[in-house]
């Protein structure tokens, strides 16, 4: 992790330079991780009961900086723009203020799990962390906001500041009805797709790709990846986490920002 300023698009599209330790002026969203202590050791991990994995080797600078900003162990997020952010208690603990920590530089490595796969093709299983991983958005064939990504919180819908026609086309080509997509800190895009919603033009080819991929994972003894994949499919009642591509392949080549006018909207924290 690097301790340097980052440019952030905040309220009314204003571009701001934010330094480590300053308030985060955009929505508090991204992949969720935690600095924890257990068995006499401090570690950084990802968890969704009953699943948990630890980052190895221990990312000391990232963990120490998060703890210094928060004042204790706790959760933080990594955005698709590469920002490490966390929440800090204010006013005697009555409210939490999001703060910027630093720039993420592939600090987190989880044994047996590839969060930045380089060999996946569209329609293969997503092999990274399957829950709370990536900033979620929604694509829809509805022409109300053509080619603008959306996300919803507390009954309000927020859209991306820019249009993403190429990304839309790729996602709707996989799942014509649209749905949630996830954009990770490695700028990978994946989405959940029930079998019935897969584009009939690709269904046979995707299943062939997935069967071959599973055989390769078994041969490589990638047990952690296989377990997380099984847990994701079971938890979502048969939805398959499918890889779409990397942001560099689409449109502006980078992650979206949220359009909002005053205070940054809050992520409702729900996982689907």
C-alpha atoms as a PDB file:
ATOM      1  CA  UNK A   1       0.000   0.000   0.000  1.00  0.00           C
ATOM      2  CA  UNK A   2       1.160   3.533  -0.782  1.00  0.00           C
ATOM      3  CA  UNK A   3       0.401   6.526   1.405  1.00  0.00           C
ATOM      4  CA  UNK A   4      -0.355   9.160  -1.200  1.00  0.00           C
ATOM      5  CA  UNK A   5      -3.291  11.349  -2.290  1.00  0.00           C
ATOM      6  CA  UNK A   6      -5.922  10.025  -4.667  1.00  0.00           C
ATOM      7  CA  UNK A   7      -8.323  11.835  -7.003  1.00  0.00           C
ATOM      8  CA  UNK A   8     -11.974  11.209  -6.120  1.00  0.00           C
ATOM      9  CA  UNK A   9     -15.149  12.252  -7.908  1.00  0.00           C
ATOM     10  CA  UNK A  10     -17.467  13.530  -5.206  1.00  0.00           C
ATOM     11  CA  UNK A  11     -20.717  15.498  -4.977  1.00  0.00           C
ATOM     12  CA  UNK A  12     -21.883  17.223  -8.171  1.00  0.00           C
ATOM     13  CA  UNK A  13     -19.055  15.563 -10.106  1.00  0.00           C
ATOM     14  CA  UNK A  14     -16.357  17.633  -8.384  1.00  0.00           C
ATOM     15  CA  UNK A  15     -12.882  16.063  -8.598  1.00  0.00           C
ATOM     16  CA  UNK A  16     -11.059  16.255  -5.290  1.00  0.00           C
ATOM     17  CA  UNK A  17      -7.572  15.256  -4.183  1.00  0.00           C
ATOM     18  CA  UNK A  18      -7.875  13.344  -0.910  1.00  0.00           C
ATOM     19  CA  UNK A  19      -4.913  12.673   1.363  1.00  0.00           C
ATOM     20  CA  UNK A  20      -4.539   9.703   3.759  1.00  0.00           C
ATOM     21  CA  UNK A  21      -6.466  10.355   6.953  1.00  0.00           C
ATOM     22  CA  UNK A  22      -8.940  12.740   5.331  1.00  0.00           C
ATOM     23  CA  UNK A  23     -12.705  12.066   5.027  1.00  0.00           C
ATOM     24  CA  UNK A  24     -13.720   9.910   2.057  1.00  0.00           C
ATOM     25  CA  UNK A  25     -16.053  12.086  -0.083  1.00  0.00           C
ATOM     26  CA  UNK A  26     -17.686   9.286  -2.093  1.00  0.00           C
ATOM     27  CA  UNK A  27     -19.995   6.368  -1.168  1.00  0.00           C
ATOM     28  CA  UNK A  28     -18.449   3.875   1.249  1.00  0.00           C
ATOM     29  CA  UNK A  29     -18.393   0.816  -1.006  1.00  0.00           C
ATOM     30  CA  UNK A  30     -16.003  -1.875  -2.166  1.00  0.00           C
ATOM     31  CA  UNK A  31     -14.630  -5.295  -1.235  1.00  0.00           C
ATOM     32  CA  UNK A  32     -14.864  -5.975   2.496  1.00  0.00           C
ATOM     33  CA  UNK A  33     -11.959  -7.151   4.626  1.00  0.00           C
ATOM     34  CA  UNK A  34     -11.121  -7.006   8.340  1.00  0.00           C
ATOM     35  CA  UNK A  35      -8.107  -6.629  10.576  1.00  0.00           C
ATOM     36  CA  UNK A  36      -8.685  -9.189  13.341  1.00  0.00           C
ATOM     37  CA  UNK A  37      -6.954 -10.768  16.280  1.00  0.00           C
ATOM     38  CA  UNK A  38      -7.161 -14.458  17.112  1.00  0.00           C
ATOM     39  CA  UNK A  39      -4.940 -17.129  18.609  1.00  0.00           C
ATOM     40  CA  UNK A  40      -2.585 -14.453  19.869  1.00  0.00           C
ATOM     41  CA  UNK A  41      -1.997 -13.118  16.340  1.00  0.00           C
ATOM     42  CA  UNK A  42      -3.237 -10.132  14.375  1.00  0.00           C
ATOM     43  CA  UNK A  43      -4.241 -10.960  10.806  1.00  0.00           C
ATOM     44  CA  UNK A  44      -6.163  -9.602   7.845  1.00  0.00           C
ATOM     45  CA  UNK A  45      -8.999 -11.746   6.624  1.00  0.00           C
ATOM     46  CA  UNK A  46     -12.160 -12.138   4.608  1.00  0.00           C
ATOM     47  CA  UNK A  47     -15.138 -13.783   6.273  1.00  0.00           C
ATOM     48  CA  UNK A  48     -18.682 -14.830   5.611  1.00  0.00           C
ATOM     49  CA  UNK A  49     -19.840 -17.454   8.100  1.00  0.00           C
ATOM     50  CA  UNK A  50     -18.950 -20.263   8.019  1.00  0.00           C
ATOM     51  CA  UNK A  51     -16.212 -19.318   5.527  1.00  0.00           C
ATOM     52  CA  UNK A  52     -13.050 -17.419   6.347  1.00  0.00           C
ATOM     53  CA  UNK A  53      -9.597 -17.009   4.825  1.00  0.00           C
ATOM     54  CA  UNK A  54      -6.494 -15.143   5.963  1.00  0.00           C
ATOM     55  CA  UNK A  55      -4.177 -13.055   3.837  1.00  0.00           C
ATOM     56  CA  UNK A  56      -0.693 -14.578   3.655  1.00  0.00           C
ATOM     57  CA  UNK A  57       1.876 -13.192   3.966  1.00  0.00           C
ATOM     58  CA  UNK A  58       0.598 -10.792   6.584  1.00  0.00           C
ATOM     59  CA  UNK A  59       0.183  -7.343   4.939  1.00  0.00           C
ATOM     60  CA  UNK A  60       1.831  -5.443   7.772  1.00  0.00           C
ATOM     61  CA  UNK A  61       1.830  -1.925   6.315  1.00  0.00           C
ATOM     62  CA  UNK A  62      -1.818  -2.107   5.264  1.00  0.00           C
ATOM     63  CA  UNK A  63      -2.927  -3.568   8.605  1.00  0.00           C
ATOM     64  CA  UNK A  64      -0.863  -1.143  10.692  1.00  0.00           C
ATOM     65  CA  UNK A  65      -2.155   1.849   8.721  1.00  0.00           C
ATOM     66  CA  UNK A  66      -5.804   0.779   8.965  1.00  0.00           C
ATOM     67  CA  UNK A  67      -5.380   0.247  12.712  1.00  0.00           C
ATOM     68  CA  UNK A  68      -3.686   3.630  13.094  1.00  0.00           C
ATOM     69  CA  UNK A  69      -6.547   5.405  11.309  1.00  0.00           C
ATOM     70  CA  UNK A  70      -9.308   3.511  13.180  1.00  0.00           C
ATOM     71  CA  UNK A  71      -7.525   3.384  16.516  1.00  0.00           C
ATOM     72  CA  UNK A  72      -8.170  -0.359  16.752  1.00  0.00           C
ATOM     73  CA  UNK A  73      -8.775  -3.478  14.687  1.00  0.00           C
ATOM     74  CA  UNK A  74     -11.816  -3.587  12.434  1.00  0.00           C
ATOM     75  CA  UNK A  75     -13.188  -3.651   8.930  1.00  0.00           C
ATOM     76  CA  UNK A  76     -12.121  -1.737   5.853  1.00  0.00           C
ATOM     77  CA  UNK A  77     -12.915  -1.749   2.160  1.00  0.00           C
ATOM     78  CA  UNK A  78     -10.959  -1.635  -1.058  1.00  0.00           C
ATOM     79  CA  UNK A  79     -12.646   0.188  -3.936  1.00  0.00           C
ATOM     80  CA  UNK A  80     -12.339  -0.579  -7.659  1.00  0.00           C
ATOM     81  CA  UNK A  81     -10.386   2.690  -7.924  1.00  0.00           C
ATOM     82  CA  UNK A  82      -7.725   1.198  -5.651  1.00  0.00           C
ATOM     83  CA  UNK A  83      -8.540   3.177  -2.514  1.00  0.00           C
ATOM     84  CA  UNK A  84      -8.340   1.601   0.938  1.00  0.00           C
ATOM     85  CA  UNK A  85     -11.039   3.196   3.083  1.00  0.00           C
ATOM     86  CA  UNK A  86     -12.351   2.581   6.576  1.00  0.00           C
ATOM     87  CA  UNK A  87     -14.777   4.065   9.106  1.00  0.00           C
ATOM     88  CA  UNK A  88     -13.745   5.965  12.221  1.00  0.00           C
ATOM     89  CA  UNK A  89     -15.902   6.646  15.273  1.00  0.00           C
ATOM     90  CA  UNK A  90     -16.701  10.293  15.898  1.00  0.00           C
ATOM     91  CA  UNK A  91     -18.564  12.304  18.560  1.00  0.00           C
ATOM     92  CA  UNK A  92     -17.882   9.793  21.300  1.00  0.00           C
ATOM     93  CA  UNK A  93     -18.856   6.852  19.166  1.00  0.00           C
ATOM     94  CA  UNK A  94     -22.276   8.136  18.096  1.00  0.00           C
ATOM     95  CA  UNK A  95     -21.493   8.095  14.358  1.00  0.00           C
ATOM     96  CA  UNK A  96     -18.941   6.723  11.924  1.00  0.00           C
ATOM     97  CA  UNK A  97     -17.002   8.810   9.406  1.00  0.00           C
ATOM     98  CA  UNK A  98     -15.514   7.140   6.289  1.00  0.00           C
ATOM     99  CA  UNK A  99     -11.837   7.998   5.866  1.00  0.00           C
ATOM    100  CA  UNK A 100      -9.263   7.413   3.178  1.00  0.00           C
ATOM    101  CA  UNK A 101      -6.297   5.246   4.224  1.00  0.00           C
ATOM    102  CA  UNK A 102      -4.091   4.850   1.139  1.00  0.00           C
ATOM    103  CA  UNK A 103      -3.680   3.313  -2.301  1.00  0.00           C
ATOM    104  CA  UNK A 104      -4.047  -0.440  -2.604  1.00  0.00           C
ATOM    105  CA  UNK A 105      -1.175  -2.236  -4.351  1.00  0.00           C
ATOM    106  CA  UNK A 106      -2.195  -5.912  -4.421  1.00  0.00           C
ATOM    107  CA  UNK A 107      -1.472  -6.100  -0.685  1.00  0.00           C
ATOM    108  CA  UNK A 108      -3.875  -8.986  -0.037  1.00  0.00           C
ATOM    109  CA  UNK A 109      -3.007 -12.504  -1.176  1.00  0.00           C
ATOM    110  CA  UNK A 110      -5.231 -15.403  -0.116  1.00  0.00           C
ATOM    111  CA  UNK A 111      -3.685 -18.878  -0.487  1.00  0.00           C
ATOM    112  CA  UNK A 112      -5.448 -20.966  -3.111  1.00  0.00           C
ATOM    113  CA  UNK A 113      -7.690 -18.097  -4.261  1.00  0.00           C
ATOM    114  CA  UNK A 114      -6.984 -15.906  -7.277  1.00  0.00           C
ATOM    115  CA  UNK A 115      -8.660 -12.504  -6.948  1.00  0.00           C
ATOM    116  CA  UNK A 116      -7.002 -11.207 -10.101  1.00  0.00           C
ATOM    117  CA  UNK A 117      -7.235 -14.083 -12.593  1.00  0.00           C
ATOM    118  CA  UNK A 118      -5.463 -13.520 -15.884  1.00  0.00           C
ATOM    119  CA  UNK A 119      -6.614 -16.589 -17.821  1.00  0.00           C
ATOM    120  CA  UNK A 120     -10.411 -16.495 -17.501  1.00  0.00           C
ATOM    121  CA  UNK A 121     -12.628 -15.979 -20.522  1.00  0.00           C
ATOM    122  CA  UNK A 122     -16.213 -14.768 -20.552  1.00  0.00           C
ATOM    123  CA  UNK A 123     -18.637 -17.381 -19.280  1.00  0.00           C
ATOM    124  CA  UNK A 124     -16.135 -19.214 -17.068  1.00  0.00           C
ATOM    125  CA  UNK A 125     -16.644 -19.390 -13.310  1.00  0.00           C
ATOM    126  CA  UNK A 126     -15.370 -16.462 -11.281  1.00  0.00           C
ATOM    127  CA  UNK A 127     -12.531 -17.905  -9.182  1.00  0.00           C
ATOM    128  CA  UNK A 128     -12.022 -15.058  -6.718  1.00  0.00           C
ATOM    129  CA  UNK A 129     -13.787 -14.445  -3.412  1.00  0.00           C
ATOM    130  CA  UNK A 130     -17.509 -15.102  -3.930  1.00  0.00           C
ATOM    131  CA  UNK A 131     -19.192 -12.821  -1.361  1.00  0.00           C
ATOM    132  CA  UNK A 132     -18.679  -9.184  -0.345  1.00  0.00           C
ATOM    133  CA  UNK A 133     -16.080  -8.917  -3.067  1.00  0.00           C
ATOM    134  CA  UNK A 134     -16.375  -6.077  -5.512  1.00  0.00           C
ATOM    135  CA  UNK A 135     -18.458  -2.946  -5.722  1.00  0.00           C
ATOM    136  CA  UNK A 136     -21.901  -3.956  -6.918  1.00  0.00           C
ATOM    137  CA  UNK A 137     -23.860  -2.247  -9.681  1.00  0.00           C
ATOM    138  CA  UNK A 138     -26.817  -3.222 -11.815  1.00  0.00           C
ATOM    139  CA  UNK A 139     -27.213  -3.438 -15.573  1.00  0.00           C
ATOM    140  CA  UNK A 140     -30.658  -3.433 -17.130  1.00  0.00           C
ATOM    141  CA  UNK A 141     -32.142  -3.570 -20.630  1.00  0.00           C
ATOM    142  CA  UNK A 142     -34.626  -0.931 -19.468  1.00  0.00           C
ATOM    143  CA  UNK A 143     -34.074   2.207 -21.579  1.00  0.00           C
ATOM    144  CA  UNK A 144     -34.891   4.576 -18.686  1.00  0.00           C
ATOM    145  CA  UNK A 145     -31.191   5.217 -18.043  1.00  0.00           C
ATOM    146  CA  UNK A 146     -29.510   3.761 -21.124  1.00  0.00           C
ATOM    147  CA  UNK A 147     -26.034   2.368 -20.459  1.00  0.00           C
ATOM    148  CA  UNK A 148     -25.762   3.882 -16.986  1.00  0.00           C
ATOM    149  CA  UNK A 149     -24.900   1.528 -14.159  1.00  0.00           C
ATOM    150  CA  UNK A 150     -27.120   1.722 -11.074  1.00  0.00           C
ATOM    151  CA  UNK A 151     -27.110   0.691  -7.441  1.00  0.00           C
ATOM    152  CA  UNK A 152     -29.799   0.990  -4.814  1.00  0.00           C
ATOM    153  CA  UNK A 153     -29.727   1.798  -1.118  1.00  0.00           C
ATOM    154  CA  UNK A 154     -32.500   2.559   1.360  1.00  0.00           C
ATOM    155  CA  UNK A 155     -35.067   2.925  -1.381  1.00  0.00           C
ATOM    156  CA  UNK A 156     -32.998   5.317  -3.516  1.00  0.00           C
ATOM    157  CA  UNK A 157     -31.405   4.517  -6.860  1.00  0.00           C
ATOM    158  CA  UNK A 158     -28.032   5.996  -7.775  1.00  0.00           C
ATOM    159  CA  UNK A 159     -26.432   5.900 -11.200  1.00  0.00           C
ATOM    160  CA  UNK A 160     -22.933   6.087 -12.613  1.00  0.00           C
ATOM    161  CA  UNK A 161     -21.690   9.483 -13.730  1.00  0.00           C
ATOM    162  CA  UNK A 162     -20.805   8.126 -17.192  1.00  0.00           C
ATOM    163  CA  UNK A 163     -22.337   5.712 -19.681  1.00  0.00           C
ATOM    164  CA  UNK A 164     -20.862   2.253 -20.235  1.00  0.00           C
ATOM    165  CA  UNK A 165     -22.334   0.909 -23.495  1.00  0.00           C
ATOM    166  CA  UNK A 166     -19.616  -1.678 -24.128  1.00  0.00           C
ATOM    167  CA  UNK A 167     -19.779  -3.056 -20.596  1.00  0.00           C
ATOM    168  CA  UNK A 168     -23.589  -3.120 -20.816  1.00  0.00           C
ATOM    169  CA  UNK A 169     -23.434  -4.998 -24.101  1.00  0.00           C
ATOM    170  CA  UNK A 170     -21.064  -7.612 -22.665  1.00  0.00           C
ATOM    171  CA  UNK A 171     -23.140  -8.167 -19.500  1.00  0.00           C
ATOM    172  CA  UNK A 172     -26.472  -8.318 -21.331  1.00  0.00           C
ATOM    173  CA  UNK A 173     -24.939 -10.697 -23.853  1.00  0.00           C
ATOM    174  CA  UNK A 174     -24.296 -13.083 -20.946  1.00  0.00           C
ATOM    175  CA  UNK A 175     -27.615 -12.416 -19.177  1.00  0.00           C
ATOM    176  CA  UNK A 176     -30.150 -10.570 -21.387  1.00  0.00           C
ATOM    177  CA  UNK A 177     -32.417  -9.792 -18.432  1.00  0.00           C
ATOM    178  CA  UNK A 178     -29.612  -7.942 -16.661  1.00  0.00           C
ATOM    179  CA  UNK A 179     -28.873  -7.979 -12.951  1.00  0.00           C
ATOM    180  CA  UNK A 180     -26.126  -7.281 -10.455  1.00  0.00           C
ATOM    181  CA  UNK A 181     -22.511  -7.125 -11.465  1.00  0.00           C
ATOM    182  CA  UNK A 182     -19.480  -6.859  -9.215  1.00  0.00           C
ATOM    183  CA  UNK A 183     -16.389  -4.762 -10.000  1.00  0.00           C
ATOM    184  CA  UNK A 184     -13.358  -5.752  -7.932  1.00  0.00           C
ATOM    185  CA  UNK A 185     -10.198  -3.923  -6.910  1.00  0.00           C
ATOM    186  CA  UNK A 186      -8.372  -5.827  -9.672  1.00  0.00           C
ATOM    187  CA  UNK A 187     -10.939  -4.261 -12.067  1.00  0.00           C
ATOM    188  CA  UNK A 188     -12.454  -7.634 -12.903  1.00  0.00           C
ATOM    189  CA  UNK A 189     -16.201  -7.828 -13.579  1.00  0.00           C
ATOM    190  CA  UNK A 190     -18.313 -10.839 -12.601  1.00  0.00           C
ATOM    191  CA  UNK A 191     -22.037 -11.478 -12.209  1.00  0.00           C
ATOM    192  CA  UNK A 192     -24.551 -14.037 -10.899  1.00  0.00           C
ATOM    193  CA  UNK A 193     -26.559 -15.882 -13.530  1.00  0.00           C
ATOM    194  CA  UNK A 194     -29.284 -18.517 -13.021  1.00  0.00           C
ATOM    195  CA  UNK A 195     -29.093 -21.246 -15.657  1.00  0.00           C
ATOM    196  CA  UNK A 196     -32.450 -20.220 -17.098  1.00  0.00           C
ATOM    197  CA  UNK A 197     -31.194 -16.642 -17.622  1.00  0.00           C
ATOM    198  CA  UNK A 198     -28.027 -17.477 -19.555  1.00  0.00           C
ATOM    199  CA  UNK A 199     -28.201 -16.321 -23.155  1.00  0.00           C
ATOM    200  CA  UNK A 200     -29.332 -19.398 -25.154  1.00  0.00           C
ATOM    201  CA  UNK A 201     -26.764 -18.508 -27.815  1.00  0.00           C
ATOM    202  CA  UNK A 202     -23.968 -19.168 -25.309  1.00  0.00           C
ATOM    203  CA  UNK A 203     -25.449 -21.758 -22.944  1.00  0.00           C
ATOM    204  CA  UNK A 204     -23.807 -24.832 -24.471  1.00  0.00           C
ATOM    205  CA  UNK A 205     -20.425 -23.175 -24.912  1.00  0.00           C
ATOM    206  CA  UNK A 206     -20.431 -21.755 -21.374  1.00  0.00           C
ATOM    207  CA  UNK A 207     -21.231 -25.147 -19.861  1.00  0.00           C
ATOM    208  CA  UNK A 208     -18.410 -26.710 -21.845  1.00  0.00           C
ATOM    209  CA  UNK A 209     -16.004 -24.021 -20.617  1.00  0.00           C
ATOM    210  CA  UNK A 210     -17.150 -24.502 -17.026  1.00  0.00           C
ATOM    211  CA  UNK A 211     -16.813 -28.306 -17.101  1.00  0.00           C
ATOM    212  CA  UNK A 212     -13.288 -28.019 -18.458  1.00  0.00           C
ATOM    213  CA  UNK A 213     -12.465 -25.370 -15.868  1.00  0.00           C
ATOM    214  CA  UNK A 214     -13.711 -27.558 -13.000  1.00  0.00           C
ATOM    215  CA  UNK A 215     -11.567 -30.455 -14.213  1.00  0.00           C
ATOM    216  CA  UNK A 216      -8.532 -28.177 -14.279  1.00  0.00           C
ATOM    217  CA  UNK A 217      -9.266 -26.901 -10.759  1.00  0.00           C
ATOM    218  CA  UNK A 218      -9.615 -30.447  -9.446  1.00  0.00           C
ATOM    219  CA  UNK A 219      -6.408 -31.526 -11.131  1.00  0.00           C
ATOM    220  CA  UNK A 220      -4.629 -28.511  -9.617  1.00  0.00           C
ATOM    221  CA  UNK A 221      -6.120 -29.376  -6.200  1.00  0.00           C
ATOM    222  CA  UNK A 222      -7.566 -25.883  -5.920  1.00  0.00           C
ATOM    223  CA  UNK A 223      -9.760 -26.976  -3.040  1.00  0.00           C
ATOM    224  CA  UNK A 224     -10.276 -23.488  -1.581  1.00  0.00           C
ATOM    225  CA  UNK A 225     -11.571 -22.166  -4.899  1.00  0.00           C
ATOM    226  CA  UNK A 226     -13.822 -25.187  -5.412  1.00  0.00           C
ATOM    227  CA  UNK A 227     -15.295 -24.872  -1.923  1.00  0.00           C
ATOM    228  CA  UNK A 228     -16.034 -21.157  -2.294  1.00  0.00           C
ATOM    229  CA  UNK A 229     -17.578 -21.756  -5.699  1.00  0.00           C
ATOM    230  CA  UNK A 230     -19.833 -24.479  -4.300  1.00  0.00           C
ATOM    231  CA  UNK A 231     -20.846 -22.268  -1.363  1.00  0.00           C
ATOM    232  CA  UNK A 232     -21.745 -19.406  -3.712  1.00  0.00           C
ATOM    233  CA  UNK A 233     -23.924 -21.560  -5.953  1.00  0.00           C
ATOM    234  CA  UNK A 234     -25.694 -23.150  -2.974  1.00  0.00           C
ATOM    235  CA  UNK A 235     -26.250 -19.823  -1.176  1.00  0.00           C
ATOM    236  CA  UNK A 236     -27.768 -18.248  -4.292  1.00  0.00           C
ATOM    237  CA  UNK A 237     -29.940 -21.283  -5.079  1.00  0.00           C
ATOM    238  CA  UNK A 238     -28.188 -22.265  -8.247  1.00  0.00           C
ATOM    239  CA  UNK A 239     -26.927 -18.940  -9.605  1.00  0.00           C
ATOM    240  CA  UNK A 240     -23.518 -19.320 -11.195  1.00  0.00           C
ATOM    241  CA  UNK A 241     -20.852 -16.634 -10.614  1.00  0.00           C
ATOM    242  CA  UNK A 242     -19.604 -15.927 -14.138  1.00  0.00           C
ATOM    243  CA  UNK A 243     -16.657 -13.894 -15.301  1.00  0.00           C
ATOM    244  CA  UNK A 244     -17.436 -11.053 -17.735  1.00  0.00           C
ATOM    245  CA  UNK A 245     -14.056  -9.393 -18.306  1.00  0.00           C
ATOM    246  CA  UNK A 246     -11.700  -6.640 -17.203  1.00  0.00           C
ATOM    247  CA  UNK A 247     -12.641  -2.967 -17.239  1.00  0.00           C
ATOM    248  CA  UNK A 248      -9.665  -2.213 -19.455  1.00  0.00           C
ATOM    249  CA  UNK A 249     -11.536  -4.020 -22.252  1.00  0.00           C
ATOM    250  CA  UNK A 250     -14.566  -1.715 -22.108  1.00  0.00           C
ATOM    251  CA  UNK A 251     -15.531   1.910 -22.649  1.00  0.00           C
ATOM    252  CA  UNK A 252     -13.405   4.295 -20.569  1.00  0.00           C
ATOM    253  CA  UNK A 253     -11.106   1.541 -19.282  1.00  0.00           C
ATOM    254  CA  UNK A 254     -11.732   2.334 -15.623  1.00  0.00           C
ATOM    255  CA  UNK A 255     -14.260   1.975 -12.777  1.00  0.00           C
ATOM    256  CA  UNK A 256     -17.447   4.049 -12.484  1.00  0.00           C
ATOM    257  CA  UNK A 257     -18.157   6.795  -9.967  1.00  0.00           C
ATOM    258  CA  UNK A 258     -21.561   7.429  -8.377  1.00  0.00           C
ATOM    259  CA  UNK A 259     -23.545  10.543  -9.288  1.00  0.00           C
ATOM    260  CA  UNK A 260     -24.889  12.356  -6.199  1.00  0.00           C
ATOM    261  CA  UNK A 261     -25.529  15.963  -5.179  1.00  0.00           C
ATOM    262  CA  UNK A 262     -24.704  16.419  -1.503  1.00  0.00           C
ATOM    263  CA  UNK A 263     -23.744  13.910   1.204  1.00  0.00           C
ATOM    264  CA  UNK A 264     -22.418  10.579  -0.148  1.00  0.00           C
ATOM    265  CA  UNK A 265     -25.116   7.869  -0.094  1.00  0.00           C
ATOM    266  CA  UNK A 266     -24.569   4.860   2.169  1.00  0.00           C
ATOM    267  CA  UNK A 267     -24.234   1.285   0.966  1.00  0.00           C
ATOM    268  CA  UNK A 268     -26.995  -0.733   2.641  1.00  0.00           C
ATOM    269  CA  UNK A 269     -24.539  -3.580   3.212  1.00  0.00           C
ATOM    270  CA  UNK A 270     -26.712  -6.304   1.752  1.00  0.00           C
ATOM    271  CA  UNK A 271     -25.166  -9.079  -0.283  1.00  0.00           C
ATOM    272  CA  UNK A 272     -27.034 -10.754  -3.127  1.00  0.00           C
END
